[in-house]
Amino acid sequence: MTAQFSEHLIYQGKELTLCSQPLGPFLQFSASTLKFEATCTALWRGYVGTWAIENDRLYLVKLSGNVVTDGQEHEVGLEALFPGYPDGVFAHWFTGELRCPSGALLNYVHGGYESTYEIDTFFRVQRGVVLEERTVVNGQAKPDAPQDYTLAGMTTFGKSQED
């Protein structure tokens, strides 16, 4: 699998790269009929979420994705998945670990979020409540190493045209 576009996490006034998909469990178990469509190999999930940690709570504050309805592709936002919550929703469905890599690239892997960076910050979350934050230093990169999370390649899917 191609390396994937990251989600975003706003924490303590900074926007971090989020290499986790906390919306996944909601989409898997919800009754929503909204189905996101991949537009390229670097975005198989079909959406990018922006998350925030405020007062030790995880919120989904922005969503941008593509869906197909009635044979037409449309870009949708947070309101499409959570009507009545245009400014954000508490992520009560999420239990797991969030990973935020930073620093220079140590080892690139062309798959998922498998690349290694100098630093990983992890947040342990239970039902939307942040229980723990920890930082792991993975090593020091060469001086000319790429900085922060990037993608090395992807294939975009063209829109089909009917004759």
C-alpha atoms as a PDB file:
ATOM      1  CA  MET A   1       0.000   0.000   0.000  1.00  0.00           C
ATOM      2  CA  THR A   2       1.144   3.535  -0.739  1.00  0.00           C
ATOM      3  CA  ALA A   3       2.083   5.826   2.132  1.00  0.00           C
ATOM      4  CA  GLN A   4      -1.055   7.698   3.217  1.00  0.00           C
ATOM      5  CA  PHE A   5      -1.947  11.357   3.684  1.00  0.00           C
ATOM      6  CA  SER A   6      -1.997  12.114   7.363  1.00  0.00           C
ATOM      7  CA  GLU A   7      -4.806  13.451   9.477  1.00  0.00           C
ATOM      8  CA  HIS A   8      -4.154  16.645  11.490  1.00  0.00           C
ATOM      9  CA  LEU A   9      -4.174  17.156  15.254  1.00  0.00           C
ATOM     10  CA  ILE A  10      -4.360  20.547  16.947  1.00  0.00           C
ATOM     11  CA  TYR A  11      -2.733  20.299  20.358  1.00  0.00           C
ATOM     12  CA  GLN A  12      -1.536  23.102  22.614  1.00  0.00           C
ATOM     13  CA  GLY A  13      -1.889  25.625  19.804  1.00  0.00           C
ATOM     14  CA  LYS A  14       0.171  23.614  17.293  1.00  0.00           C
ATOM     15  CA  GLU A  15      -0.938  21.575  14.291  1.00  0.00           C
ATOM     16  CA  LEU A  16       0.665  18.145  14.421  1.00  0.00           C
ATOM     17  CA  THR A  17       0.776  15.362  11.853  1.00  0.00           C
ATOM     18  CA  LEU A  18      -1.537  12.552  12.957  1.00  0.00           C
ATOM     19  CA  CYS A  19      -0.705   9.100  11.596  1.00  0.00           C
ATOM     20  CA  SER A  20      -3.783   7.406  13.017  1.00  0.00           C
ATOM     21  CA  GLN A  21      -7.382   7.181  11.838  1.00  0.00           C
ATOM     22  CA  PRO A  22      -9.665   7.782  14.824  1.00  0.00           C
ATOM     23  CA  LEU A  23     -12.754   8.113  12.614  1.00  0.00           C
ATOM     24  CA  GLY A  24     -12.351   4.511  11.424  1.00  0.00           C
ATOM     25  CA  PRO A  25     -14.262   2.818  14.288  1.00  0.00           C
ATOM     26  CA  PHE A  26     -17.152   5.263  13.910  1.00  0.00           C
ATOM     27  CA  LEU A  27     -17.449   4.585  10.188  1.00  0.00           C
ATOM     28  CA  GLN A  28     -17.205   0.846  10.737  1.00  0.00           C
ATOM     29  CA  PHE A  29     -19.965   0.615  13.339  1.00  0.00           C
ATOM     30  CA  SER A  30     -22.273   3.566  12.635  1.00  0.00           C
ATOM     31  CA  ALA A  31     -25.551   3.390  10.782  1.00  0.00           C
ATOM     32  CA  SER A  32     -24.387   6.141   8.418  1.00  0.00           C
ATOM     33  CA  THR A  33     -24.846   5.366   4.739  1.00  0.00           C
ATOM     34  CA  LEU A  34     -22.153   7.894   3.791  1.00  0.00           C
ATOM     35  CA  LYS A  35     -19.368   6.073   1.953  1.00  0.00           C
ATOM     36  CA  PHE A  36     -16.122   7.894   1.265  1.00  0.00           C
ATOM     37  CA  GLU A  37     -14.379   7.336  -2.077  1.00  0.00           C
ATOM     38  CA  ALA A  38     -10.626   7.174  -2.671  1.00  0.00           C
ATOM     39  CA  THR A  39      -9.360   9.828  -5.075  1.00  0.00           C
ATOM     40  CA  CYS A  40      -5.748   8.612  -5.086  1.00  0.00           C
ATOM     41  CA  THR A  41      -3.630   5.780  -3.740  1.00  0.00           C
ATOM     42  CA  ALA A  42      -2.343   8.015  -0.934  1.00  0.00           C
ATOM     43  CA  LEU A  43      -5.874   8.496   0.424  1.00  0.00           C
ATOM     44  CA  TRP A  44      -7.591   5.124   0.406  1.00  0.00           C
ATOM     45  CA  ARG A  45      -9.924   6.191   3.236  1.00  0.00           C
ATOM     46  CA  GLY A  46     -11.319   9.012   1.064  1.00  0.00           C
ATOM     47  CA  TYR A  47     -11.203  11.775   3.673  1.00  0.00           C
ATOM     48  CA  VAL A  48      -8.887  13.857   5.837  1.00  0.00           C
ATOM     49  CA  GLY A  49      -9.903  14.801   9.349  1.00  0.00           C
ATOM     50  CA  THR A  50      -8.676  17.579  11.576  1.00  0.00           C
ATOM     51  CA  TRP A  51      -8.781  16.720  15.254  1.00  0.00           C
ATOM     52  CA  ALA A  52      -8.206  18.704  18.421  1.00  0.00           C
ATOM     53  CA  ILE A  53      -7.358  17.813  21.984  1.00  0.00           C
ATOM     54  CA  GLU A  54      -8.993  20.256  24.368  1.00  0.00           C
ATOM     55  CA  ASN A  55      -9.203  19.702  28.121  1.00  0.00           C
ATOM     56  CA  ASP A  56      -8.030  16.095  27.651  1.00  0.00           C
ATOM     57  CA  ARG A  57     -10.870  15.374  25.218  1.00  0.00           C
ATOM     58  CA  LEU A  58     -10.520  14.387  21.559  1.00  0.00           C
ATOM     59  CA  TYR A  59     -12.732  16.213  19.060  1.00  0.00           C
ATOM     60  CA  LEU A  60     -13.184  15.919  15.312  1.00  0.00           C
ATOM     61  CA  VAL A  61     -13.293  19.592  14.264  1.00  0.00           C
ATOM     62  CA  LYS A  62     -13.076  19.428  10.473  1.00  0.00           C
ATOM     63  CA  LEU A  63     -13.608  16.832   7.790  1.00  0.00           C
ATOM     64  CA  SER A  64     -13.008  16.941   4.072  1.00  0.00           C
ATOM     65  CA  GLY A  65     -13.901  13.946   1.962  1.00  0.00           C
ATOM     66  CA  ASN A  66     -15.336  12.703  -1.293  1.00  0.00           C
ATOM     67  CA  VAL A  67     -18.519  10.680  -1.663  1.00  0.00           C
ATOM     68  CA  VAL A  68     -20.518   9.466  -4.642  1.00  0.00           C
ATOM     69  CA  THR A  69     -24.269   9.969  -4.563  1.00  0.00           C
ATOM     70  CA  ASP A  70     -26.558   9.442  -7.523  1.00  0.00           C
ATOM     71  CA  GLY A  71     -23.518   8.708  -9.680  1.00  0.00           C
ATOM     72  CA  GLN A  72     -21.937  12.095  -8.944  1.00  0.00           C
ATOM     73  CA  GLU A  73     -18.822  12.752  -6.869  1.00  0.00           C
ATOM     74  CA  HIS A  74     -19.221  15.425  -4.176  1.00  0.00           C
ATOM     75  CA  GLU A  75     -16.904  16.922  -1.605  1.00  0.00           C
ATOM     76  CA  VAL A  76     -18.432  16.830   1.870  1.00  0.00           C
ATOM     77  CA  GLY A  77     -17.550  18.164   5.288  1.00  0.00           C
ATOM     78  CA  LEU A  78     -18.271  17.449   8.920  1.00  0.00           C
ATOM     79  CA  GLU A  79     -21.971  18.333   8.647  1.00  0.00           C
ATOM     80  CA  ALA A  80     -22.554  15.475   6.182  1.00  0.00           C
ATOM     81  CA  LEU A  81     -21.494  12.877   8.734  1.00  0.00           C
ATOM     82  CA  PHE A  82     -22.593  14.688  11.903  1.00  0.00           C
ATOM     83  CA  PRO A  83     -25.660  16.839  11.110  1.00  0.00           C
ATOM     84  CA  GLY A  84     -26.116  19.565  13.687  1.00  0.00           C
ATOM     85  CA  TYR A  85     -22.416  19.570  14.679  1.00  0.00           C
ATOM     86  CA  PRO A  86     -20.708  21.838  12.126  1.00  0.00           C
ATOM     87  CA  ASP A  87     -18.036  23.019  14.594  1.00  0.00           C
ATOM     88  CA  GLY A  88     -16.913  19.666  15.949  1.00  0.00           C
ATOM     89  CA  VAL A  89     -17.953  16.500  17.691  1.00  0.00           C
ATOM     90  CA  PHE A  90     -16.574  14.703  20.756  1.00  0.00           C
ATOM     91  CA  ALA A  91     -14.897  11.458  19.625  1.00  0.00           C
ATOM     92  CA  HIS A  92     -16.575   9.215  22.221  1.00  0.00           C
ATOM     93  CA  TRP A  93     -16.302   6.222  19.844  1.00  0.00           C
ATOM     94  CA  PHE A  94     -12.496   6.201  19.800  1.00  0.00           C
ATOM     95  CA  THR A  95     -10.374   4.068  22.091  1.00  0.00           C
ATOM     96  CA  GLY A  96      -6.782   3.503  21.093  1.00  0.00           C
ATOM     97  CA  GLU A  97      -3.488   5.222  20.515  1.00  0.00           C
ATOM     98  CA  LEU A  98      -2.824   8.304  18.402  1.00  0.00           C
ATOM     99  CA  ARG A  99       0.629   8.703  16.835  1.00  0.00           C
ATOM    100  CA  CYS A 100       2.149  12.041  15.862  1.00  0.00           C
ATOM    101  CA  PRO A 101       5.582  11.751  14.194  1.00  0.00           C
ATOM    102  CA  SER A 102       7.884  14.757  13.957  1.00  0.00           C
ATOM    103  CA  GLY A 103      11.447  15.714  13.154  1.00  0.00           C
ATOM    104  CA  ALA A 104      13.533  14.376  10.325  1.00  0.00           C
ATOM    105  CA  LEU A 105      12.944  11.141   8.443  1.00  0.00           C
ATOM    106  CA  LEU A 106      14.951   8.146   9.664  1.00  0.00           C
ATOM    107  CA  ASN A 107      13.466   5.423   7.441  1.00  0.00           C
ATOM    108  CA  TYR A 108      10.948   5.799   4.613  1.00  0.00           C
ATOM    109  CA  VAL A 109       8.484   2.951   4.043  1.00  0.00           C
ATOM    110  CA  HIS A 110       6.160   3.241   1.066  1.00  0.00           C
ATOM    111  CA  GLY A 111       3.152   1.883   2.937  1.00  0.00           C
ATOM    112  CA  GLY A 112       0.549   3.215   5.348  1.00  0.00           C
ATOM    113  CA  TYR A 113       2.099   5.233   8.182  1.00  0.00           C
ATOM    114  CA  GLU A 114       5.123   2.955   8.551  1.00  0.00           C
ATOM    115  CA  SER A 115       7.915   5.500   8.019  1.00  0.00           C
ATOM    116  CA  THR A 116      10.030   6.330  11.066  1.00  0.00           C
ATOM    117  CA  TYR A 117      10.834   9.885  12.169  1.00  0.00           C
ATOM    118  CA  GLU A 118      13.101  11.216  14.896  1.00  0.00           C
ATOM    119  CA  ILE A 119      10.276  11.657  17.401  1.00  0.00           C
ATOM    120  CA  ASP A 120       6.893  10.042  17.983  1.00  0.00           C
ATOM    121  CA  THR A 121       4.353  11.534  20.367  1.00  0.00           C
ATOM    122  CA  PHE A 122       1.648   9.097  21.439  1.00  0.00           C
ATOM    123  CA  PHE A 123      -1.707   9.826  23.061  1.00  0.00           C
ATOM    124  CA  ARG A 124      -3.572   6.974  24.760  1.00  0.00           C
ATOM    125  CA  VAL A 125      -7.308   7.596  24.438  1.00  0.00           C
ATOM    126  CA  GLN A 126     -10.251   5.807  26.019  1.00  0.00           C
ATOM    127  CA  ARG A 127     -13.756   6.650  24.740  1.00  0.00           C
ATOM    128  CA  GLY A 128     -12.526  10.066  23.591  1.00  0.00           C
ATOM    129  CA  VAL A 129     -10.710  10.943  26.830  1.00  0.00           C
ATOM    130  CA  VAL A 130      -6.935  11.378  26.658  1.00  0.00           C
ATOM    131  CA  LEU A 131      -5.416   9.361  29.501  1.00  0.00           C
ATOM    132  CA  GLU A 132      -1.725   9.624  28.718  1.00  0.00           C
ATOM    133  CA  GLU A 133       0.782  11.408  26.520  1.00  0.00           C
ATOM    134  CA  ARG A 134       4.264  10.024  25.942  1.00  0.00           C
ATOM    135  CA  THR A 135       7.164  10.881  23.662  1.00  0.00           C
ATOM    136  CA  VAL A 136       9.584   8.406  22.112  1.00  0.00           C
ATOM    137  CA  VAL A 137      12.894   9.501  20.574  1.00  0.00           C
ATOM    138  CA  ASN A 138      13.688   7.118  17.726  1.00  0.00           C
ATOM    139  CA  GLY A 139      17.144   8.425  16.843  1.00  0.00           C
ATOM    140  CA  GLN A 140      18.877  11.254  15.061  1.00  0.00           C
ATOM    141  CA  ALA A 141      18.653  11.636  11.298  1.00  0.00           C
ATOM    142  CA  LYS A 142      21.349  12.685   8.876  1.00  0.00           C
ATOM    143  CA  PRO A 143      21.606  16.487   8.475  1.00  0.00           C
ATOM    144  CA  ASP A 144      20.157  16.393   4.934  1.00  0.00           C
ATOM    145  CA  ALA A 145      17.161  14.149   5.806  1.00  0.00           C
ATOM    146  CA  PRO A 146      13.671  15.367   4.840  1.00  0.00           C
ATOM    147  CA  GLN A 147      11.846  17.104   7.687  1.00  0.00           C
ATOM    148  CA  ASP A 148       8.426  16.077   9.010  1.00  0.00           C
ATOM    149  CA  TYR A 149       5.882  13.731   7.484  1.00  0.00           C
ATOM    150  CA  THR A 150       5.869  13.681   3.676  1.00  0.00           C
ATOM    151  CA  LEU A 151       4.788  11.345   0.884  1.00  0.00           C
ATOM    152  CA  ALA A 152       7.182  10.119  -1.794  1.00  0.00           C
ATOM    153  CA  GLY A 153       4.613   9.134  -4.412  1.00  0.00           C
ATOM    154  CA  MET A 154       0.995   8.359  -5.263  1.00  0.00           C
ATOM    155  CA  THR A 155      -1.329   7.649  -8.153  1.00  0.00           C
ATOM    156  CA  THR A 156      -4.419   9.802  -8.653  1.00  0.00           C
ATOM    157  CA  PHE A 157      -7.648   8.392  -9.994  1.00  0.00           C
ATOM    158  CA  GLY A 158      -9.111  10.240 -12.941  1.00  0.00           C
ATOM    159  CA  LYS A 159     -12.831  10.852 -13.162  1.00  0.00           C
ATOM    160  CA  SER A 160     -14.562   8.649 -15.681  1.00  0.00           C
ATOM    161  CA  GLN A 161     -16.311  10.405 -18.505  1.00  0.00           C
ATOM    162  CA  GLU A 162     -19.377   8.998 -20.081  1.00  0.00           C
ATOM    163  CA  ASP A 163     -19.730   9.217 -23.882  1.00  0.00           C
END
